[in-house]
Amino acid sequence: MFSDLIKKDNIDAQIEYRTKNIKSFIDKINREGKDYKNPFAELTDLVGIRIICYYLEDVSPIVNIIKMNSK
């Protein structure tokens, strides 16, 4: 999705992403000292995205694309 939006604005960027795997998720919620009541709502690192842009002037347009398309 983001790659299509960025390409639409003729921005040259590389996008990398990852999702937390099930084992890592279970390990995290079972860690000693953690007491999650609703881990799906409380954990904030289930998905990660990295957008690498090549020109400083592309940063602001990319930020605007993210803001306009985030829920």
N, C-alpha and C. Protein backbone atom coordinates (compact mmCIF):
# COMPACT_ATOMS: atom_id res chain seq x y z
N MET A 1 0.82 -1.19 0.00
CA MET A 1 0.00 0.00 0.00
C MET A 1 0.87 1.26 0.00
N PHE A 2 1.76 1.38 0.98
CA PHE A 2 2.60 2.58 1.04
C PHE A 2 3.48 2.69 -0.19
N SER A 3 3.97 1.57 -0.69
CA SER A 3 4.82 1.64 -1.87
C SER A 3 4.06 2.21 -3.06
N ASP A 4 2.80 1.83 -3.21
CA ASP A 4 1.99 2.38 -4.31
C ASP A 4 1.77 3.88 -4.15
N LEU A 5 1.51 4.31 -2.92
CA LEU A 5 1.27 5.74 -2.67
C LEU A 5 2.53 6.56 -2.91
N ILE A 6 3.66 6.03 -2.50
CA ILE A 6 4.93 6.73 -2.68
C ILE A 6 5.30 6.79 -4.16
N LYS A 7 5.13 5.68 -4.86
CA LYS A 7 5.42 5.66 -6.29
C LYS A 7 4.51 6.62 -7.05
N LYS A 8 3.25 6.71 -6.62
CA LYS A 8 2.28 7.61 -7.26
C LYS A 8 2.78 9.06 -7.23
N ASP A 9 3.48 9.42 -6.15
CA ASP A 9 4.03 10.78 -6.02
C ASP A 9 5.45 10.88 -6.59
N ASN A 10 5.87 9.88 -7.36
CA ASN A 10 7.19 9.86 -7.99
C ASN A 10 8.33 10.00 -6.99
N ILE A 11 8.19 9.34 -5.84
CA ILE A 11 9.25 9.35 -4.83
C ILE A 11 9.99 8.02 -4.92
N ASP A 12 11.31 8.10 -5.01
CA ASP A 12 12.13 6.91 -5.06
C ASP A 12 12.51 6.53 -3.62
N ALA A 13 11.99 5.40 -3.16
CA ALA A 13 12.26 4.97 -1.79
C ALA A 13 12.24 3.46 -1.71
N GLN A 14 12.89 2.94 -0.70
CA GLN A 14 12.89 1.51 -0.44
C GLN A 14 12.07 1.26 0.81
N ILE A 15 11.21 0.25 0.78
CA ILE A 15 10.35 -0.05 1.92
C ILE A 15 10.65 -1.46 2.42
N GLU A 16 10.89 -1.56 3.72
CA GLU A 16 11.12 -2.85 4.37
C GLU A 16 10.10 -2.97 5.49
N TYR A 17 9.65 -4.17 5.75
CA TYR A 17 8.68 -4.36 6.83
C TYR A 17 8.88 -5.72 7.47
N ARG A 18 8.30 -5.87 8.65
CA ARG A 18 8.32 -7.15 9.34
C ARG A 18 7.10 -7.23 10.24
N THR A 19 6.67 -8.44 10.48
CA THR A 19 5.61 -8.69 11.46
C THR A 19 6.20 -9.58 12.55
N LYS A 20 5.75 -9.37 13.77
CA LYS A 20 6.22 -10.21 14.87
C LYS A 20 5.63 -11.60 14.67
N ASN A 21 6.48 -12.62 14.74
CA ASN A 21 5.96 -13.98 14.57
C ASN A 21 5.26 -14.44 15.84
N ILE A 22 4.48 -15.49 15.73
CA ILE A 22 3.66 -15.98 16.84
C ILE A 22 4.51 -16.36 18.05
N LYS A 23 5.62 -17.06 17.81
CA LYS A 23 6.48 -17.48 18.93
C LYS A 23 7.02 -16.27 19.69
N SER A 24 7.48 -15.26 18.96
CA SER A 24 8.01 -14.05 19.58
C SER A 24 6.92 -13.32 20.37
N PHE A 25 5.71 -13.29 19.83
CA PHE A 25 4.57 -12.66 20.50
C PHE A 25 4.27 -13.38 21.82
N ILE A 26 4.19 -14.71 21.76
CA ILE A 26 3.90 -15.49 22.96
C ILE A 26 5.01 -15.34 23.99
N ASP A 27 6.27 -15.38 23.54
CA ASP A 27 7.39 -15.20 24.46
C ASP A 27 7.31 -13.84 25.15
N LYS A 28 6.95 -12.82 24.42
CA LYS A 28 6.90 -11.48 24.99
C LYS A 28 5.78 -11.35 26.03
N ILE A 29 4.61 -11.88 25.74
CA ILE A 29 3.51 -11.72 26.70
C ILE A 29 3.70 -12.61 27.93
N ASN A 30 4.55 -13.64 27.82
CA ASN A 30 4.80 -14.52 28.96
C ASN A 30 6.07 -14.15 29.74
N ARG A 31 6.72 -13.05 29.34
CA ARG A 31 7.95 -12.64 30.03
C ARG A 31 7.69 -12.34 31.50
N GLU A 32 8.64 -12.73 32.33
CA GLU A 32 8.54 -12.47 33.76
C GLU A 32 8.46 -10.96 34.00
N GLY A 33 7.58 -10.57 34.89
CA GLY A 33 7.43 -9.16 35.22
C GLY A 33 6.43 -8.43 34.35
N LYS A 34 5.89 -9.11 33.33
CA LYS A 34 4.88 -8.50 32.45
C LYS A 34 3.51 -9.07 32.80
N ASP A 35 2.51 -8.21 32.80
CA ASP A 35 1.15 -8.65 33.09
C ASP A 35 0.20 -7.95 32.13
N TYR A 36 0.10 -8.47 30.93
CA TYR A 36 -0.76 -7.88 29.92
C TYR A 36 -2.19 -8.37 30.11
N LYS A 37 -3.12 -7.45 30.21
CA LYS A 37 -4.55 -7.80 30.29
C LYS A 37 -5.10 -8.09 28.90
N ASN A 38 -4.67 -7.29 27.92
CA ASN A 38 -5.10 -7.44 26.53
C ASN A 38 -3.88 -7.20 25.64
N PRO A 39 -3.05 -8.22 25.44
CA PRO A 39 -1.78 -8.01 24.71
C PRO A 39 -1.96 -7.48 23.30
N PHE A 40 -3.05 -7.83 22.61
CA PHE A 40 -3.25 -7.32 21.26
C PHE A 40 -3.41 -5.80 21.26
N ALA A 41 -4.00 -5.25 22.30
CA ALA A 41 -4.18 -3.80 22.40
C ALA A 41 -2.98 -3.13 23.04
N GLU A 42 -2.29 -3.83 23.93
CA GLU A 42 -1.21 -3.21 24.70
C GLU A 42 0.15 -3.25 24.02
N LEU A 43 0.42 -4.27 23.22
CA LEU A 43 1.72 -4.35 22.54
C LEU A 43 1.71 -3.43 21.32
N THR A 44 2.76 -2.66 21.18
CA THR A 44 2.80 -1.67 20.10
C THR A 44 3.78 -2.03 19.00
N ASP A 45 4.41 -3.19 19.10
CA ASP A 45 5.43 -3.53 18.11
C ASP A 45 5.11 -4.83 17.36
N LEU A 46 3.86 -4.99 16.96
CA LEU A 46 3.47 -6.19 16.22
C LEU A 46 3.89 -6.11 14.76
N VAL A 47 4.00 -4.90 14.25
CA VAL A 47 4.39 -4.67 12.86
C VAL A 47 5.39 -3.53 12.83
N GLY A 48 6.40 -3.64 11.98
CA GLY A 48 7.36 -2.56 11.82
C GLY A 48 7.55 -2.26 10.34
N ILE A 49 7.75 -0.99 10.04
CA ILE A 49 8.00 -0.59 8.65
C ILE A 49 9.14 0.41 8.64
N ARG A 50 9.99 0.29 7.65
CA ARG A 50 11.11 1.23 7.46
C ARG A 50 11.02 1.74 6.03
N ILE A 51 11.00 3.05 5.90
CA ILE A 51 10.99 3.67 4.57
C ILE A 51 12.31 4.40 4.42
N ILE A 52 13.08 3.98 3.46
CA ILE A 52 14.39 4.59 3.21
C ILE A 52 14.26 5.46 1.97
N CYS A 53 14.40 6.76 2.18
CA CYS A 53 14.34 7.67 1.03
C CYS A 53 15.76 8.16 0.75
N TYR A 54 15.98 8.55 -0.48
CA TYR A 54 17.32 8.88 -0.93
C TYR A 54 17.61 10.39 -0.92
N TYR A 55 16.56 11.17 -0.79
CA TYR A 55 16.72 12.63 -0.83
C TYR A 55 15.98 13.26 0.33
N LEU A 56 16.61 14.20 0.98
CA LEU A 56 16.04 14.87 2.14
C LEU A 56 14.68 15.51 1.82
N GLU A 57 14.54 16.04 0.62
CA GLU A 57 13.28 16.70 0.25
C GLU A 57 12.12 15.72 0.11
N ASP A 58 12.40 14.42 0.10
CA ASP A 58 11.33 13.42 0.04
C ASP A 58 10.76 13.08 1.41
N VAL A 59 11.43 13.46 2.49
CA VAL A 59 10.98 13.10 3.84
C VAL A 59 9.60 13.69 4.14
N SER A 60 9.42 14.97 3.95
CA SER A 60 8.13 15.61 4.27
C SER A 60 6.98 15.03 3.45
N PRO A 61 7.13 14.85 2.15
CA PRO A 61 6.03 14.22 1.40
C PRO A 61 5.71 12.80 1.89
N ILE A 62 6.72 12.05 2.27
CA ILE A 62 6.49 10.70 2.78
C ILE A 62 5.74 10.76 4.10
N VAL A 63 6.15 11.65 4.98
CA VAL A 63 5.45 11.83 6.26
C VAL A 63 3.99 12.19 6.01
N ASN A 64 3.74 13.08 5.07
CA ASN A 64 2.35 13.48 4.76
C ASN A 64 1.55 12.29 4.22
N ILE A 65 2.16 11.47 3.40
CA ILE A 65 1.48 10.29 2.87
C ILE A 65 1.10 9.35 4.02
N ILE A 66 2.02 9.15 4.95
CA ILE A 66 1.75 8.28 6.09
C ILE A 66 0.61 8.86 6.93
N LYS A 67 0.68 10.15 7.25
CA LYS A 67 -0.36 10.78 8.06
C LYS A 67 -1.72 10.70 7.40
N MET A 68 -1.77 10.93 6.11
CA MET A 68 -3.06 10.95 5.42
C MET A 68 -3.66 9.55 5.23
N ASN A 69 -2.84 8.51 5.39
CA ASN A 69 -3.32 7.16 5.13
C ASN A 69 -3.24 6.25 6.34
N SER A 70 -3.07 6.82 7.51
CA SER A 70 -3.03 6.03 8.74
C SER A 70 -4.37 6.13 9.43
N LYS A 71 -4.71 5.06 10.10
CA LYS A 71 -5.98 5.02 10.84
C LYS A 71 -5.74 5.11 12.30
